[in-house]
Amino acid sequence: MDKLSFAGLVLGLVAIIGGQILEGGHVSSLVQPTALLIVLGGTMGAVLLQCPFHVFKRGMLMAKWVWVPPVIEQKRTIDQILQWSQLSRREGLLVLENYLPGIKDDFTRKGLQLLVDGAEPERIRELLEVDVDTYEEEWRQSAKVWESAGGYSPTIGILGAVMGLIHVMENLSDPTKLGPGIAVAFVATIYGVGLANLIYLPIAGKLKYYISRMVAAREMMIDGLVGIAVGDNPRIIESRLKGYLR
């Protein structure tokens, strides 16, 4: 579990709520269900309008990466590639065919199959890079769900503020209704800006970081397979692949 993400969220909320208390305000004044409904509902509606549902759904499921990061075993991949390299130098590329049934990852299996079939190194790179480009684009489109929410949320918050002020203007003759109307107006703006900058945009940034690492892992696999195909020394392959570690 990524404890730093949890600590960052708690720190941000404590700072805002603590500031409200230190200024003499009440926490209850920040609790406005109407404003929250306007901001959350409006933001979700805008995001759903922007992207297909399967992209939205995958983006929502990706949010768990903030707390439980995806497993990216770069060192294990390097060890696997070095093992294939050493075997292929001793016994030929065809010996790697024995490893195909045990590989669960479709991308790795495809690359190894191309290698066993004797495809040219540049052809292997070309075919696998097409898969990587598609793979990266699919994940980044899903991550943009959160980035888009971060863009829409402040604007929806302003919309909620304007609606609250309209309500206030309609009830100028009744002082008892002025307070709640003004509260909804200003709190809607707080919700819009706060959710964007404390939740949506940070989540988008964290997801894009993990996507870049996942893509780097696939590029590392391509580099390793091409190195085996051209007959590079295992030590040279290892040195090159360690450059991907971070």
Protein backbone atom coordinates (compact mmCIF):
# COMPACT_ATOMS: atom_id res chain seq x y z
CA MET A 1 0.00 0.00 0.00
CA ASP A 2 1.26 3.48 -0.87
CA LYS A 3 1.16 5.14 2.55
CA LEU A 4 2.56 8.40 1.17
CA SER A 5 -0.58 8.96 -0.93
CA PHE A 6 -2.77 8.46 2.12
CA ALA A 7 -0.57 10.81 4.17
CA GLY A 8 -0.71 13.47 1.45
CA LEU A 9 -4.50 13.38 1.29
CA VAL A 10 -4.84 13.57 5.07
CA LEU A 11 -2.32 16.42 5.28
CA GLY A 12 -4.19 18.43 2.65
CA LEU A 13 -7.55 17.99 4.39
CA VAL A 14 -6.12 18.74 7.83
CA ALA A 15 -4.47 21.91 6.54
CA ILE A 16 -7.72 23.21 5.01
CA ILE A 17 -9.97 22.27 7.92
CA GLY A 18 -7.36 23.42 10.44
CA GLY A 19 -7.10 26.77 8.71
CA GLN A 20 -10.87 27.14 8.85
CA ILE A 21 -10.86 26.49 12.60
CA LEU A 22 -7.90 28.80 13.28
CA GLU A 23 -9.71 31.62 11.50
CA GLY A 24 -12.61 31.21 13.88
CA GLY A 25 -14.89 29.39 11.47
CA HIS A 26 -16.90 26.22 12.03
CA VAL A 27 -16.31 22.93 10.23
CA SER A 28 -20.08 22.56 9.85
CA SER A 29 -20.11 25.60 7.57
CA LEU A 30 -18.09 23.63 5.02
CA VAL A 31 -20.67 20.84 4.93
CA GLN A 32 -23.19 21.71 2.25
CA PRO A 33 -24.82 18.65 0.61
CA THR A 34 -26.43 20.80 -2.09
CA ALA A 35 -23.10 22.25 -3.17
CA LEU A 36 -21.49 18.80 -3.13
CA LEU A 37 -24.28 17.38 -5.28
CA ILE A 38 -23.88 20.17 -7.84
CA VAL A 39 -20.10 19.77 -8.08
CA LEU A 40 -19.88 15.97 -8.06
CA GLY A 41 -22.90 15.42 -10.29
CA GLY A 42 -21.97 18.14 -12.76
CA THR A 43 -18.34 16.97 -12.99
CA MET A 44 -19.30 13.32 -13.51
CA GLY A 45 -21.85 14.28 -16.14
CA ALA A 46 -19.27 16.31 -18.07
CA VAL A 47 -16.71 13.49 -17.94
CA LEU A 48 -19.26 10.90 -19.07
CA LEU A 49 -20.21 13.14 -21.97
CA GLN A 50 -16.56 13.46 -22.98
CA CYS A 51 -15.48 9.80 -23.08
CA PRO A 52 -16.92 6.36 -23.88
CA PHE A 53 -18.22 4.39 -20.91
CA HIS A 54 -15.54 1.67 -21.10
CA VAL A 55 -12.83 4.33 -20.86
CA PHE A 56 -14.63 5.95 -17.90
CA LYS A 57 -15.02 2.61 -16.15
CA ARG A 58 -11.37 1.69 -16.58
CA GLY A 59 -10.35 5.14 -15.35
CA MET A 60 -12.41 4.65 -12.19
CA LEU A 61 -10.89 1.21 -11.58
CA MET A 62 -7.38 2.62 -12.07
CA ALA A 63 -7.89 4.90 -9.06
CA LYS A 64 -6.92 2.02 -6.77
CA TRP A 65 -3.35 2.37 -8.08
CA VAL A 66 -3.03 5.46 -5.90
CA TRP A 67 -3.27 3.22 -2.82
CA VAL A 68 -2.15 -0.14 -4.25
CA PRO A 69 0.32 0.42 -7.11
CA PRO A 70 0.43 -2.06 -10.02
CA VAL A 71 3.18 -4.67 -9.82
CA ILE A 72 5.99 -3.78 -12.23
CA GLU A 73 8.76 -6.37 -11.90
CA GLN A 74 11.56 -4.83 -13.91
CA LYS A 75 14.38 -6.69 -12.15
CA ARG A 76 12.59 -10.01 -12.64
CA THR A 77 12.14 -9.18 -16.33
CA ILE A 78 15.86 -8.46 -16.67
CA ASP A 79 16.72 -11.82 -15.04
CA GLN A 80 14.33 -13.58 -17.40
CA ILE A 81 15.80 -11.92 -20.49
CA LEU A 82 19.35 -12.73 -19.37
CA GLN A 83 18.38 -16.36 -18.90
CA TRP A 84 16.97 -16.48 -22.43
CA SER A 85 20.07 -14.76 -23.78
CA GLN A 86 22.45 -17.23 -22.19
CA LEU A 87 20.43 -20.25 -23.32
CA SER A 88 20.08 -18.99 -26.89
CA ARG A 89 23.85 -18.43 -27.17
CA ARG A 90 24.55 -21.97 -26.01
CA GLU A 91 21.74 -23.93 -27.67
CA GLY A 92 20.16 -21.66 -30.29
CA LEU A 93 16.97 -19.63 -30.44
CA LEU A 94 14.70 -22.64 -30.87
CA VAL A 95 15.34 -23.73 -27.27
CA LEU A 96 13.33 -20.68 -26.14
CA GLU A 97 10.19 -22.27 -27.57
CA ASN A 98 10.01 -24.37 -24.40
CA TYR A 99 9.27 -21.23 -22.39
CA LEU A 100 6.26 -20.12 -24.45
CA PRO A 101 3.58 -22.23 -22.67
CA GLY A 102 4.54 -20.80 -19.27
CA ILE A 103 4.31 -17.13 -20.25
CA LYS A 104 1.03 -15.52 -19.23
CA ASP A 105 1.66 -12.04 -20.59
CA ASP A 106 0.46 -11.83 -24.21
CA PHE A 107 2.98 -9.14 -25.14
CA THR A 108 5.96 -11.13 -23.85
CA ARG A 109 4.68 -14.31 -25.49
CA LYS A 110 4.27 -12.54 -28.82
CA GLY A 111 7.80 -11.13 -28.67
CA LEU A 112 9.35 -14.44 -27.73
CA GLN A 113 7.38 -16.21 -30.48
CA LEU A 114 8.73 -13.74 -33.05
CA LEU A 115 12.23 -14.38 -31.75
CA VAL A 116 11.82 -18.16 -31.97
CA ASP A 117 10.37 -17.86 -35.48
CA GLY A 118 13.57 -16.12 -36.61
CA ALA A 119 12.09 -12.71 -37.37
CA GLU A 120 14.58 -9.96 -38.18
CA PRO A 121 15.55 -7.78 -35.19
CA GLU A 122 14.16 -4.60 -36.72
CA ARG A 123 10.96 -6.40 -37.65
CA ILE A 124 10.57 -7.57 -34.04
CA ARG A 125 11.04 -4.03 -32.79
CA GLU A 126 8.61 -2.61 -35.34
CA LEU A 127 5.81 -5.06 -34.55
CA LEU A 128 6.15 -4.81 -30.79
CA GLU A 129 6.38 -1.02 -30.75
CA VAL A 130 2.99 -0.84 -32.46
CA ASP A 131 1.57 -2.84 -29.54
CA VAL A 132 3.32 -0.57 -27.03
CA ASP A 133 1.93 2.58 -28.66
CA THR A 134 -1.61 1.18 -28.58
CA TYR A 135 -1.16 -0.04 -25.02
CA GLU A 136 0.09 3.35 -23.82
CA GLU A 137 -2.67 5.27 -25.59
CA GLU A 138 -5.41 3.10 -24.05
CA TRP A 139 -4.13 3.57 -20.51
CA ARG A 140 -3.47 7.29 -20.93
CA GLN A 141 -7.00 7.86 -22.25
CA SER A 142 -8.33 6.23 -19.08
CA ALA A 143 -6.05 8.36 -16.86
CA LYS A 144 -7.37 11.46 -18.63
CA VAL A 145 -10.75 10.77 -17.01
CA TRP A 146 -9.30 12.15 -13.77
CA GLU A 147 -7.42 14.92 -15.53
CA SER A 148 -10.64 16.01 -17.23
CA ALA A 149 -12.50 15.92 -13.91
CA GLY A 150 -9.83 18.23 -12.52
CA GLY A 151 -10.51 20.66 -15.34
CA TYR A 152 -14.30 20.61 -15.11
CA SER A 153 -14.66 20.62 -11.32
CA PRO A 154 -13.63 24.26 -10.63
CA THR A 155 -15.92 25.49 -13.40
CA ILE A 156 -18.85 23.47 -12.05
CA GLY A 157 -18.04 24.93 -8.64
CA ILE A 158 -18.35 28.43 -10.05
CA LEU A 159 -21.64 27.40 -11.65
CA GLY A 160 -22.84 26.26 -8.23
CA ALA A 161 -21.74 29.59 -6.75
CA VAL A 162 -23.72 31.52 -9.35
CA MET A 163 -26.77 29.36 -8.69
CA GLY A 164 -26.44 30.08 -4.99
CA LEU A 165 -26.21 33.82 -5.61
CA ILE A 166 -29.28 33.67 -7.84
CA HIS A 167 -31.12 32.00 -4.99
CA VAL A 168 -29.95 34.79 -2.65
CA MET A 169 -31.12 37.52 -5.02
CA GLU A 170 -34.54 35.90 -5.29
CA ASN A 171 -34.95 35.99 -1.52
CA LEU A 172 -33.63 39.41 -0.59
CA SER A 173 -36.93 40.13 1.10
CA ASP A 174 -36.48 37.14 3.44
CA PRO A 175 -33.29 37.55 5.52
CA THR A 176 -33.59 34.00 6.91
CA LYS A 177 -32.80 32.55 3.51
CA LEU A 178 -29.82 34.74 2.72
CA GLY A 179 -27.34 32.89 4.91
CA PRO A 180 -27.87 29.38 3.47
CA GLY A 181 -27.88 30.72 -0.07
CA ILE A 182 -24.58 32.55 0.35
CA ALA A 183 -23.07 29.49 2.08
CA VAL A 184 -23.96 27.22 -0.82
CA ALA A 185 -22.53 29.77 -3.23
CA PHE A 186 -19.10 29.97 -1.65
CA VAL A 187 -18.83 26.35 -0.51
CA ALA A 188 -19.58 25.13 -4.05
CA THR A 189 -16.49 27.01 -5.23
CA ILE A 190 -14.43 25.47 -2.43
CA TYR A 191 -15.64 21.99 -3.37
CA GLY A 192 -14.91 22.53 -7.04
CA VAL A 193 -11.38 23.88 -6.58
CA GLY A 194 -10.60 21.59 -3.63
CA LEU A 195 -11.64 18.35 -5.35
CA ALA A 196 -9.73 19.31 -8.49
CA ASN A 197 -6.47 20.14 -6.75
CA LEU A 198 -6.57 17.68 -3.84
CA ILE A 199 -8.15 14.66 -5.53
CA TYR A 200 -8.61 14.63 -9.29
CA LEU A 201 -5.38 16.16 -10.62
CA PRO A 202 -3.08 14.39 -8.11
CA ILE A 203 -4.71 11.06 -9.00
CA ALA A 204 -4.21 11.77 -12.71
CA GLY A 205 -0.56 12.59 -12.12
CA LYS A 206 0.05 9.41 -10.11
CA LEU A 207 -1.68 7.25 -12.74
CA LYS A 208 0.40 8.76 -15.55
CA TYR A 209 3.57 8.01 -13.56
CA TYR A 210 2.66 4.34 -13.27
CA ILE A 211 1.65 4.18 -16.92
CA SER A 212 5.07 5.52 -17.93
CA ARG A 213 6.71 2.80 -15.83
CA MET A 214 4.53 0.10 -17.38
CA VAL A 215 5.42 1.34 -20.86
CA ALA A 216 9.11 1.45 -19.92
CA ALA A 217 8.88 -2.19 -18.81
CA ARG A 218 7.57 -3.16 -22.24
CA GLU A 219 10.20 -1.12 -24.03
CA MET A 220 12.79 -2.88 -21.90
CA MET A 221 11.39 -6.24 -23.05
CA ILE A 222 11.64 -5.11 -26.69
CA ASP A 223 15.24 -3.99 -26.18
CA GLY A 224 16.13 -7.30 -24.57
CA LEU A 225 14.52 -9.44 -27.26
CA VAL A 226 16.17 -7.43 -30.04
CA GLY A 227 19.51 -7.79 -28.24
CA ILE A 228 19.05 -11.57 -28.20
CA ALA A 229 18.05 -11.54 -31.87
CA VAL A 230 21.22 -9.71 -32.94
CA GLY A 231 23.38 -11.95 -30.76
CA ASP A 232 24.57 -9.38 -28.20
CA ASN A 233 26.61 -10.60 -25.25
CA PRO A 234 24.40 -11.15 -22.16
CA ARG A 235 26.51 -8.67 -20.19
CA ILE A 236 25.91 -5.98 -22.79
CA ILE A 237 22.17 -6.72 -22.71
CA GLU A 238 22.15 -6.57 -18.90
CA SER A 239 24.01 -3.25 -18.85
CA ARG A 240 21.59 -1.74 -21.37
CA LEU A 241 18.47 -2.99 -19.60
CA LYS A 242 19.57 -1.69 -16.21
CA GLY A 243 19.30 1.79 -17.69
CA TYR A 244 15.51 1.36 -17.55
CA LEU A 245 15.44 0.81 -13.79
CA ARG A 246 13.99 3.60 -11.66
